[in-house]
N, C-alpha and C. Protein backbone atom coordinates (compact mmCIF):
# COMPACT_ATOMS: atom_id res chain seq x y z
N MET A 1 -40.98 -22.23 17.86
CA MET A 1 -40.72 -21.87 16.42
C MET A 1 -41.85 -21.78 15.63
N ALA A 2 -42.20 -20.89 14.99
CA ALA A 2 -42.97 -21.26 14.43
C ALA A 2 -42.79 -21.82 13.07
N GLN A 3 -43.44 -22.96 12.18
CA GLN A 3 -42.99 -24.23 10.95
C GLN A 3 -42.65 -23.07 9.50
N PHE A 4 -42.03 -23.08 8.85
CA PHE A 4 -41.61 -22.24 7.71
C PHE A 4 -42.03 -23.43 6.54
N THR A 5 -42.79 -23.08 5.78
CA THR A 5 -43.44 -23.71 4.69
C THR A 5 -42.70 -23.70 2.79
N TYR A 6 -42.76 -24.59 2.52
CA TYR A 6 -42.71 -24.35 0.75
C TYR A 6 -43.67 -23.49 0.58
N SER A 7 -44.35 -23.16 0.62
CA SER A 7 -45.16 -21.55 0.66
C SER A 7 -44.74 -20.36 0.83
N ASP A 8 -44.33 -20.60 2.24
CA ASP A 8 -43.62 -19.50 2.41
C ASP A 8 -42.51 -19.34 1.55
N LEU A 9 -41.91 -20.03 1.46
CA LEU A 9 -40.85 -20.02 1.12
C LEU A 9 -40.80 -19.34 -0.70
N VAL A 10 -41.87 -19.91 -1.05
CA VAL A 10 -42.59 -19.67 -2.74
C VAL A 10 -42.76 -18.09 -2.68
N ALA A 11 -43.32 -17.72 -2.00
CA ALA A 11 -44.33 -16.25 -1.58
C ALA A 11 -42.81 -15.39 -0.89
N MET A 12 -42.16 -15.55 -0.46
CA MET A 12 -40.84 -14.42 -0.08
C MET A 12 -40.26 -13.75 -1.02
N ASP A 13 -40.39 -12.52 -0.96
CA ASP A 13 -39.86 -11.28 -1.53
C ASP A 13 -38.11 -11.53 -1.06
N LEU A 14 -37.33 -12.01 -2.55
CA LEU A 14 -35.75 -11.83 -1.97
C LEU A 14 -35.26 -10.76 -2.63
N GLY A 15 -35.79 -9.38 -3.10
CA GLY A 15 -35.65 -8.11 -3.26
C GLY A 15 -34.82 -7.38 -2.65
N LYS A 16 -35.23 -7.44 -1.19
CA LYS A 16 -33.99 -6.81 0.00
C LYS A 16 -32.82 -7.45 0.12
N LEU A 17 -33.02 -9.09 -0.20
CA LEU A 17 -31.64 -9.48 0.51
C LEU A 17 -31.05 -9.38 -0.96
N GLY A 18 -31.44 -9.31 -2.23
CA GLY A 18 -30.60 -9.03 -3.46
C GLY A 18 -29.73 -7.16 -3.26
N THR A 19 -30.49 -6.58 -2.68
CA THR A 19 -29.88 -5.19 -2.77
C THR A 19 -28.59 -5.21 -1.73
N ALA A 20 -29.52 -6.36 -0.58
CA ALA A 20 -28.09 -6.50 0.83
C ALA A 20 -26.85 -6.50 0.35
N VAL A 21 -26.91 -7.62 -0.86
CA VAL A 21 -25.94 -8.33 -1.60
C VAL A 21 -25.32 -7.24 -2.21
N SER A 22 -25.82 -6.81 -2.63
CA SER A 22 -24.84 -5.78 -3.79
C SER A 22 -24.40 -4.72 -2.85
N ASP A 23 -25.09 -4.14 -2.04
CA ASP A 23 -24.77 -2.78 -1.09
C ASP A 23 -23.32 -3.44 -0.46
N TRP A 24 -23.33 -4.82 0.40
CA TRP A 24 -22.08 -5.66 0.72
C TRP A 24 -20.82 -5.71 -0.26
N LYS A 25 -21.18 -5.95 -1.38
CA LYS A 25 -20.15 -5.85 -2.57
C LYS A 25 -19.64 -4.64 -2.82
N ALA A 26 -20.28 -3.62 -2.70
CA ALA A 26 -19.80 -2.25 -3.11
C ALA A 26 -19.14 -1.59 -1.92
N MET A 27 -19.73 -2.24 -0.59
CA MET A 27 -18.92 -1.66 0.51
C MET A 27 -17.54 -2.79 0.75
N ALA A 28 -17.69 -3.77 0.21
CA ALA A 28 -16.38 -4.65 -0.05
C ALA A 28 -15.52 -4.38 -0.90
N GLY A 29 -15.36 -3.32 -2.24
CA GLY A 29 -15.01 -2.98 -3.24
C GLY A 29 -14.32 -1.53 -2.67
N GLU A 30 -15.12 -0.83 -2.24
CA GLU A 30 -14.53 0.34 -1.38
C GLU A 30 -13.59 0.43 -0.58
N LEU A 31 -13.93 -0.73 0.95
CA LEU A 31 -12.88 -1.31 1.86
C LEU A 31 -11.51 -1.36 1.04
N SER A 32 -11.54 -2.13 0.03
CA SER A 32 -10.32 -2.89 -0.66
C SER A 32 -9.32 -1.47 -1.19
N ARG A 33 -10.33 -0.89 -1.66
CA ARG A 33 -9.33 0.44 -2.23
C ARG A 33 -8.86 0.98 -1.04
N LEU A 34 -9.71 1.42 0.13
CA LEU A 34 -9.11 2.25 1.48
C LEU A 34 -7.74 1.41 1.88
N THR A 35 -8.19 0.30 1.97
CA THR A 35 -6.85 -0.79 2.33
C THR A 35 -5.80 0.10 1.56
N THR A 36 -5.79 -0.34 0.14
CA THR A 36 -4.16 -0.68 -0.49
C THR A 36 -3.97 1.04 -0.36
N SER A 37 -5.09 2.31 -0.19
CA SER A 37 -4.40 3.76 -0.09
C SER A 37 -3.85 3.91 1.38
N VAL A 38 -4.14 3.03 2.36
CA VAL A 38 -3.69 3.08 4.01
C VAL A 38 -2.25 1.95 3.35
N ARG A 39 -2.38 0.96 3.03
CA ARG A 39 -1.26 0.51 3.08
C ARG A 39 0.23 0.94 2.21
N ASP A 40 -0.29 1.50 1.00
CA ASP A 40 0.64 1.82 -0.04
C ASP A 40 0.78 3.47 0.17
N GLY A 41 0.23 4.02 1.13
CA GLY A 41 0.40 5.66 1.45
C GLY A 41 0.35 5.86 3.13
N LEU A 42 -0.42 5.82 3.71
CA LEU A 42 -0.17 6.23 4.77
C LEU A 42 1.24 5.05 6.12
N ALA A 43 0.87 4.08 5.85
CA ALA A 43 1.55 3.00 6.40
C ALA A 43 3.13 3.10 6.02
N LYS A 44 3.37 3.05 4.80
CA LYS A 44 4.61 3.32 4.02
C LYS A 44 5.18 4.50 4.42
N LYS A 45 4.16 5.98 4.45
CA LYS A 45 5.23 6.99 4.94
C LYS A 45 5.51 7.46 6.58
N ALA A 46 4.56 6.22 6.97
CA ALA A 46 4.89 6.25 8.99
C ALA A 46 6.00 5.39 8.90
N ALA A 47 6.28 4.15 7.96
CA ALA A 47 7.42 3.32 8.19
C ALA A 47 8.84 4.20 7.52
N GLY A 48 8.60 4.92 6.52
CA GLY A 48 9.95 5.67 6.18
C GLY A 48 10.24 6.90 6.96
N ALA A 49 9.53 7.13 7.30
CA ALA A 49 9.45 8.43 8.35
C ALA A 49 10.81 8.48 9.24
N ARG A 50 11.51 9.47 9.68
CA ARG A 50 12.58 9.65 10.41
C ARG A 50 12.15 10.22 11.58
N TRP A 51 11.55 10.00 12.60
CA TRP A 51 10.92 10.53 13.35
C TRP A 51 11.67 10.04 14.49
N GLN A 52 11.77 11.09 15.72
CA GLN A 52 12.60 10.94 16.85
C GLN A 52 11.76 10.42 18.09
N GLY A 53 12.18 9.98 19.14
CA GLY A 53 11.85 10.25 20.47
C GLY A 53 10.37 9.18 20.75
N VAL A 54 10.04 8.96 21.90
CA VAL A 54 8.77 8.08 22.19
C VAL A 54 7.56 8.52 21.60
N ASN A 55 7.28 9.50 20.80
CA ASN A 55 5.88 9.85 20.50
C ASN A 55 5.88 9.13 19.06
N ALA A 56 7.31 9.14 18.61
CA ALA A 56 7.76 8.77 17.02
C ALA A 56 7.43 7.21 17.01
N THR A 57 7.88 6.37 18.00
CA THR A 57 7.71 5.13 18.05
C THR A 57 5.69 4.66 18.32
N VAL A 58 5.62 5.39 19.42
CA VAL A 58 4.07 5.06 19.62
C VAL A 58 3.47 5.02 18.54
N THR A 59 3.72 6.21 17.71
CA THR A 59 3.03 6.65 16.29
C THR A 59 2.94 5.91 14.92
N ARG A 60 4.31 5.30 14.98
CA ARG A 60 4.46 4.49 14.09
C ARG A 60 3.84 2.85 14.54
N GLU A 61 3.96 2.64 15.50
CA GLU A 61 2.95 1.54 16.08
C GLU A 61 1.67 1.21 15.91
N PHE A 62 1.26 2.63 16.00
CA PHE A 62 -0.13 2.89 15.59
C PHE A 62 -0.49 2.92 14.63
N VAL A 63 0.20 3.69 13.76
CA VAL A 63 -0.29 3.33 11.97
C VAL A 63 -0.31 2.55 11.72
N GLY A 64 1.03 1.14 11.79
CA GLY A 64 1.14 -0.19 11.67
C GLY A 64 -0.05 -0.98 11.97
N LYS A 65 -0.46 -0.90 13.28
CA LYS A 65 -1.61 -1.94 13.73
C LYS A 65 -2.51 -1.40 12.61
N THR A 66 -3.00 -0.19 13.02
CA THR A 66 -4.54 0.24 11.81
C THR A 66 -4.14 0.05 10.54
N ALA A 67 -2.95 -0.27 9.80
CA ALA A 67 -3.14 -0.43 8.50
C ALA A 67 -3.13 -2.23 8.81
N LYS A 68 -2.85 -3.16 9.47
CA LYS A 68 -3.26 -4.48 9.53
C LYS A 68 -4.65 -4.58 10.12
N GLU A 69 -5.04 -3.77 10.53
CA GLU A 69 -6.81 -4.01 11.18
C GLU A 69 -7.49 -3.78 9.52
N PHE A 70 -7.03 -2.91 8.64
CA PHE A 70 -7.56 -2.31 7.50
C PHE A 70 -7.93 -3.76 6.66
N THR A 71 -6.67 -4.34 6.68
CA THR A 71 -6.09 -5.46 5.67
C THR A 71 -7.27 -6.70 6.19
N ASP A 72 -6.85 -6.56 7.60
CA ASP A 72 -7.80 -7.66 8.58
C ASP A 72 -9.18 -7.83 7.99
N LEU A 73 -9.77 -6.45 8.01
CA LEU A 73 -11.07 -6.29 7.91
C LEU A 73 -11.45 -6.44 6.25
N GLN A 74 -10.52 -6.17 5.39
CA GLN A 74 -11.00 -6.34 4.17
C GLN A 74 -10.87 -7.58 3.58
N GLY A 75 -10.14 -8.54 4.44
CA GLY A 75 -10.09 -9.94 4.28
C GLY A 75 -11.57 -10.71 4.41
N GLU A 76 -11.80 -10.21 5.68
CA GLU A 76 -13.23 -10.67 6.38
C GLU A 76 -14.44 -10.10 5.32
N ALA A 77 -14.53 -8.91 4.86
CA ALA A 77 -15.41 -8.63 4.06
C ALA A 77 -15.93 -9.78 2.57
N ARG A 78 -14.37 -9.73 2.37
CA ARG A 78 -14.25 -10.31 1.00
C ARG A 78 -14.78 -12.18 1.22
N ALA A 79 -14.87 -12.63 2.31
CA ALA A 79 -15.02 -13.67 2.66
C ALA A 79 -16.55 -13.65 3.08
């Protein structure tokens, strides 16, 4: 592996890193908004629906698991 020197560090352009950080913050904010929408909209409606049959159970479970995945993903993005 090549040596990384102080001169390399001083000459390094960190503009792209700043852009990446800014983009990540924007994405995390949008993910937060989307997670709230999924939790308060889709998941709440699915949990309160009066469906019947096997498909209803499968759909309700799928929506619940998907909402949890959004919540987990938002937590990882914030971390």
